[in-house]
């Protein structure tokens, strides 16, 4: 996988999380994994099509999701309900949208699909033949794992 496919997600995740939640993001060690991945308690999936295609996934615990949404709204969220699910999905959508703009600027125009959310730990999610770069992010609100499974199309 090309570095220019991953860097936009690293930068965008840091910017969006800092802006929306006021928390600093520390990146862990990036690793390459084969499919399938095991879902986290909350996993946001966003499809990408165009000069690059594949999936971007954001995994976290329900607790991290609640804390992120609490920081975004300024109100304590105690239950991971429909509003919380929607807000976490939109957070993934904003990060991916910003990253797709960076991909386009680098010569890889693409579009993103509306986000989907998988609830429940342990579901196998296949990215088929596309390997995933796994990017762990640590914040004071909890851990988020970004999975970037993209390949160039011609």
C-alpha atoms as a PDB file:
ATOM      1  CA  UNK A   1       0.000   0.000   0.000  1.00  0.00           C
ATOM      2  CA  UNK A   2       1.312   3.401  -0.921  1.00  0.00           C
ATOM      3  CA  UNK A   3       2.248   5.812   1.867  1.00  0.00           C
ATOM      4  CA  UNK A   4       0.297   8.561   0.118  1.00  0.00           C
ATOM      5  CA  UNK A   5      -2.884   6.546   0.798  1.00  0.00           C
ATOM      6  CA  UNK A   6      -2.224   6.388   4.544  1.00  0.00           C
ATOM      7  CA  UNK A   7      -0.740   9.757   5.471  1.00  0.00           C
ATOM      8  CA  UNK A   8      -3.973  11.681   4.720  1.00  0.00           C
ATOM      9  CA  UNK A   9      -5.779   9.543   7.319  1.00  0.00           C
ATOM     10  CA  UNK A  10      -3.094  10.078   9.948  1.00  0.00           C
ATOM     11  CA  UNK A  11      -3.161  13.843   9.494  1.00  0.00           C
ATOM     12  CA  UNK A  12      -6.959  14.069   9.177  1.00  0.00           C
ATOM     13  CA  UNK A  13      -7.630  11.920  12.257  1.00  0.00           C
ATOM     14  CA  UNK A  14      -5.311  14.072  14.350  1.00  0.00           C
ATOM     15  CA  UNK A  15      -6.813  17.328  13.088  1.00  0.00           C
ATOM     16  CA  UNK A  16     -10.450  16.274  13.423  1.00  0.00           C
ATOM     17  CA  UNK A  17     -10.067  14.697  16.867  1.00  0.00           C
ATOM     18  CA  UNK A  18      -8.142  17.744  18.137  1.00  0.00           C
ATOM     19  CA  UNK A  19     -10.717  20.166  16.724  1.00  0.00           C
ATOM     20  CA  UNK A  20     -13.871  18.247  17.667  1.00  0.00           C
ATOM     21  CA  UNK A  21     -12.862  16.888  21.078  1.00  0.00           C
ATOM     22  CA  UNK A  22      -9.971  19.102  22.193  1.00  0.00           C
ATOM     23  CA  UNK A  23      -7.797  16.064  22.837  1.00  0.00           C
ATOM     24  CA  UNK A  24      -4.281  15.408  21.671  1.00  0.00           C
ATOM     25  CA  UNK A  25      -3.703  12.320  19.537  1.00  0.00           C
ATOM     26  CA  UNK A  26      -0.652  10.091  19.892  1.00  0.00           C
ATOM     27  CA  UNK A  27      -0.026   7.621  17.095  1.00  0.00           C
ATOM     28  CA  UNK A  28       1.103   4.109  17.962  1.00  0.00           C
ATOM     29  CA  UNK A  29       3.141   1.774  15.795  1.00  0.00           C
ATOM     30  CA  UNK A  30       1.612   1.244  12.357  1.00  0.00           C
ATOM     31  CA  UNK A  31       1.431  -2.377  11.200  1.00  0.00           C
ATOM     32  CA  UNK A  32       0.272  -4.247   8.115  1.00  0.00           C
ATOM     33  CA  UNK A  33      -2.361  -6.968   8.534  1.00  0.00           C
ATOM     34  CA  UNK A  34      -4.218  -9.353   6.268  1.00  0.00           C
ATOM     35  CA  UNK A  35      -7.974  -9.763   6.234  1.00  0.00           C
ATOM     36  CA  UNK A  36     -10.207 -10.371   8.093  1.00  0.00           C
ATOM     37  CA  UNK A  37     -10.201  -7.987  11.010  1.00  0.00           C
ATOM     38  CA  UNK A  38     -12.151  -8.546  14.197  1.00  0.00           C
ATOM     39  CA  UNK A  39     -14.572  -5.724  14.958  1.00  0.00           C
ATOM     40  CA  UNK A  40     -14.259  -3.694  18.119  1.00  0.00           C
ATOM     41  CA  UNK A  41     -17.293  -2.887  20.297  1.00  0.00           C
ATOM     42  CA  UNK A  42     -18.013  -0.056  17.836  1.00  0.00           C
ATOM     43  CA  UNK A  43     -16.630  -0.140  14.289  1.00  0.00           C
ATOM     44  CA  UNK A  44     -17.393   2.554  11.717  1.00  0.00           C
ATOM     45  CA  UNK A  45     -17.010   1.371   8.092  1.00  0.00           C
ATOM     46  CA  UNK A  46     -16.664   3.774   5.169  1.00  0.00           C
ATOM     47  CA  UNK A  47     -16.279   2.637   1.574  1.00  0.00           C
ATOM     48  CA  UNK A  48     -14.001   4.473  -0.829  1.00  0.00           C
ATOM     49  CA  UNK A  49     -14.280   4.367  -4.654  1.00  0.00           C
ATOM     50  CA  UNK A  50     -12.414   6.101  -7.447  1.00  0.00           C
ATOM     51  CA  UNK A  51      -8.691   6.038  -8.281  1.00  0.00           C
ATOM     52  CA  UNK A  52      -8.355   4.301  -4.917  1.00  0.00           C
ATOM     53  CA  UNK A  53     -10.882   1.831  -3.627  1.00  0.00           C
ATOM     54  CA  UNK A  54     -11.484  -0.140  -0.487  1.00  0.00           C
ATOM     55  CA  UNK A  55     -12.551   0.451   3.093  1.00  0.00           C
ATOM     56  CA  UNK A  56     -11.553   2.639   5.995  1.00  0.00           C
ATOM     57  CA  UNK A  57     -12.619   1.416   9.426  1.00  0.00           C
ATOM     58  CA  UNK A  58     -12.511   3.077  12.838  1.00  0.00           C
ATOM     59  CA  UNK A  59     -12.722   0.789  15.870  1.00  0.00           C
ATOM     60  CA  UNK A  60     -13.222   1.731  19.503  1.00  0.00           C
ATOM     61  CA  UNK A  61     -14.911   0.667  22.719  1.00  0.00           C
ATOM     62  CA  UNK A  62     -18.382   1.947  23.590  1.00  0.00           C
ATOM     63  CA  UNK A  63     -16.785   3.835  26.475  1.00  0.00           C
ATOM     64  CA  UNK A  64     -14.408   5.648  24.121  1.00  0.00           C
ATOM     65  CA  UNK A  65     -17.333   6.437  21.817  1.00  0.00           C
ATOM     66  CA  UNK A  66     -19.313   7.925  24.721  1.00  0.00           C
ATOM     67  CA  UNK A  67     -16.327   9.991  25.869  1.00  0.00           C
ATOM     68  CA  UNK A  68     -15.675  11.299  22.345  1.00  0.00           C
ATOM     69  CA  UNK A  69     -19.304  12.322  21.918  1.00  0.00           C
ATOM     70  CA  UNK A  70     -19.355  13.881  25.406  1.00  0.00           C
ATOM     71  CA  UNK A  71     -16.341  15.993  24.444  1.00  0.00           C
ATOM     72  CA  UNK A  72     -17.932  16.943  21.102  1.00  0.00           C
ATOM     73  CA  UNK A  73     -21.272  17.974  22.587  1.00  0.00           C
ATOM     74  CA  UNK A  74     -20.128  19.343  25.930  1.00  0.00           C
ATOM     75  CA  UNK A  75     -22.682  17.110  27.676  1.00  0.00           C
ATOM     76  CA  UNK A  76     -22.009  13.841  29.467  1.00  0.00           C
ATOM     77  CA  UNK A  77     -23.149  10.850  27.421  1.00  0.00           C
ATOM     78  CA  UNK A  78     -23.797   7.879  29.702  1.00  0.00           C
ATOM     79  CA  UNK A  79     -25.447   5.475  27.238  1.00  0.00           C
ATOM     80  CA  UNK A  80     -24.288   4.479  23.767  1.00  0.00           C
ATOM     81  CA  UNK A  81     -27.626   5.192  22.076  1.00  0.00           C
ATOM     82  CA  UNK A  82     -28.695   6.107  18.528  1.00  0.00           C
ATOM     83  CA  UNK A  83     -27.468   9.704  18.927  1.00  0.00           C
ATOM     84  CA  UNK A  84     -24.062   8.511  20.115  1.00  0.00           C
ATOM     85  CA  UNK A  85     -23.840   5.988  17.266  1.00  0.00           C
ATOM     86  CA  UNK A  86     -24.696   8.698  14.744  1.00  0.00           C
ATOM     87  CA  UNK A  87     -22.116  11.106  16.182  1.00  0.00           C
ATOM     88  CA  UNK A  88     -19.337   8.489  16.118  1.00  0.00           C
ATOM     89  CA  UNK A  89     -20.265   7.584  12.522  1.00  0.00           C
ATOM     90  CA  UNK A  90     -20.127  11.261  11.575  1.00  0.00           C
ATOM     91  CA  UNK A  91     -16.707  11.621  13.214  1.00  0.00           C
ATOM     92  CA  UNK A  92     -15.419   8.817  10.958  1.00  0.00           C
ATOM     93  CA  UNK A  93     -17.162  10.427   8.009  1.00  0.00           C
ATOM     94  CA  UNK A  94     -15.489  13.803   8.611  1.00  0.00           C
ATOM     95  CA  UNK A  95     -12.024  12.220   8.978  1.00  0.00           C
ATOM     96  CA  UNK A  96     -12.485  10.167   5.803  1.00  0.00           C
ATOM     97  CA  UNK A  97     -13.926  13.118   3.884  1.00  0.00           C
ATOM     98  CA  UNK A  98     -10.965  15.309   4.801  1.00  0.00           C
ATOM     99  CA  UNK A  99      -8.535  12.502   3.888  1.00  0.00           C
ATOM    100  CA  UNK A 100     -10.276  11.930   0.540  1.00  0.00           C
ATOM    101  CA  UNK A 101      -9.704  15.606  -0.284  1.00  0.00           C
ATOM    102  CA  UNK A 102      -6.001  15.090   0.393  1.00  0.00           C
ATOM    103  CA  UNK A 103      -6.001  11.965  -1.794  1.00  0.00           C
ATOM    104  CA  UNK A 104      -7.606  13.949  -4.608  1.00  0.00           C
ATOM    105  CA  UNK A 105      -4.978  16.684  -4.264  1.00  0.00           C
ATOM    106  CA  UNK A 106      -2.309  13.968  -4.612  1.00  0.00           C
ATOM    107  CA  UNK A 107      -3.851  12.794  -7.895  1.00  0.00           C
ATOM    108  CA  UNK A 108      -6.182  10.096  -6.572  1.00  0.00           C
ATOM    109  CA  UNK A 109      -9.745  11.424  -6.915  1.00  0.00           C
ATOM    110  CA  UNK A 110     -12.200   9.348  -4.914  1.00  0.00           C
ATOM    111  CA  UNK A 111     -15.621   9.439  -3.307  1.00  0.00           C
ATOM    112  CA  UNK A 112     -16.735   8.044   0.024  1.00  0.00           C
ATOM    113  CA  UNK A 113     -19.893   6.143   0.890  1.00  0.00           C
ATOM    114  CA  UNK A 114     -22.089   7.024   3.857  1.00  0.00           C
ATOM    115  CA  UNK A 115     -20.793   5.396   7.049  1.00  0.00           C
ATOM    116  CA  UNK A 116     -22.099   2.128   8.451  1.00  0.00           C
ATOM    117  CA  UNK A 117     -21.652   1.047  12.054  1.00  0.00           C
ATOM    118  CA  UNK A 118     -21.061  -2.500  13.286  1.00  0.00           C
ATOM    119  CA  UNK A 119     -21.977  -2.904  16.956  1.00  0.00           C
ATOM    120  CA  UNK A 120     -20.479  -5.753  18.925  1.00  0.00           C
ATOM    121  CA  UNK A 121     -16.990  -7.087  19.408  1.00  0.00           C
ATOM    122  CA  UNK A 122     -15.720 -10.048  17.443  1.00  0.00           C
ATOM    123  CA  UNK A 123     -17.451  -9.833  14.068  1.00  0.00           C
ATOM    124  CA  UNK A 124     -15.120 -10.816  11.224  1.00  0.00           C
ATOM    125  CA  UNK A 125     -14.923  -8.066   8.596  1.00  0.00           C
ATOM    126  CA  UNK A 126     -13.124  -9.003   5.403  1.00  0.00           C
ATOM    127  CA  UNK A 127     -11.350  -6.526   3.176  1.00  0.00           C
ATOM    128  CA  UNK A 128     -10.900  -9.415   0.730  1.00  0.00           C
ATOM    129  CA  UNK A 129      -7.511  -9.226  -0.993  1.00  0.00           C
ATOM    130  CA  UNK A 130      -6.676  -5.737   0.249  1.00  0.00           C
ATOM    131  CA  UNK A 131      -4.160  -5.672   3.104  1.00  0.00           C
ATOM    132  CA  UNK A 132      -4.867  -3.224   5.930  1.00  0.00           C
ATOM    133  CA  UNK A 133      -2.593  -0.701   7.502  1.00  0.00           C
ATOM    134  CA  UNK A 134      -3.570  -0.622  11.162  1.00  0.00           C
ATOM    135  CA  UNK A 135      -2.992   2.707  12.892  1.00  0.00           C
ATOM    136  CA  UNK A 136      -3.504   2.773  16.678  1.00  0.00           C
ATOM    137  CA  UNK A 137      -4.358   6.212  18.065  1.00  0.00           C
ATOM    138  CA  UNK A 138      -4.295   7.051  21.762  1.00  0.00           C
ATOM    139  CA  UNK A 139      -6.184   9.972  23.284  1.00  0.00           C
ATOM    140  CA  UNK A 140      -7.066  10.927  26.838  1.00  0.00           C
ATOM    141  CA  UNK A 141     -10.612   9.824  25.914  1.00  0.00           C
ATOM    142  CA  UNK A 142      -9.575   6.320  24.862  1.00  0.00           C
ATOM    143  CA  UNK A 143      -8.066   4.295  22.031  1.00  0.00           C
ATOM    144  CA  UNK A 144      -9.172   4.387  18.412  1.00  0.00           C
ATOM    145  CA  UNK A 145      -7.834   1.997  15.790  1.00  0.00           C
ATOM    146  CA  UNK A 146      -7.881   3.155  12.175  1.00  0.00           C
ATOM    147  CA  UNK A 147      -7.758   0.447   9.515  1.00  0.00           C
ATOM    148  CA  UNK A 148      -6.922   1.668   6.004  1.00  0.00           C
ATOM    149  CA  UNK A 149      -7.508  -0.953   3.306  1.00  0.00           C
ATOM    150  CA  UNK A 150      -7.103   0.869  -0.013  1.00  0.00           C
ATOM    151  CA  UNK A 151      -5.664  -0.026  -3.403  1.00  0.00           C
ATOM    152  CA  UNK A 152      -5.098   1.955  -6.554  1.00  0.00           C
ATOM    153  CA  UNK A 153      -7.401   1.371  -9.518  1.00  0.00           C
ATOM    154  CA  UNK A 154      -6.545   2.157 -13.116  1.00  0.00           C
END
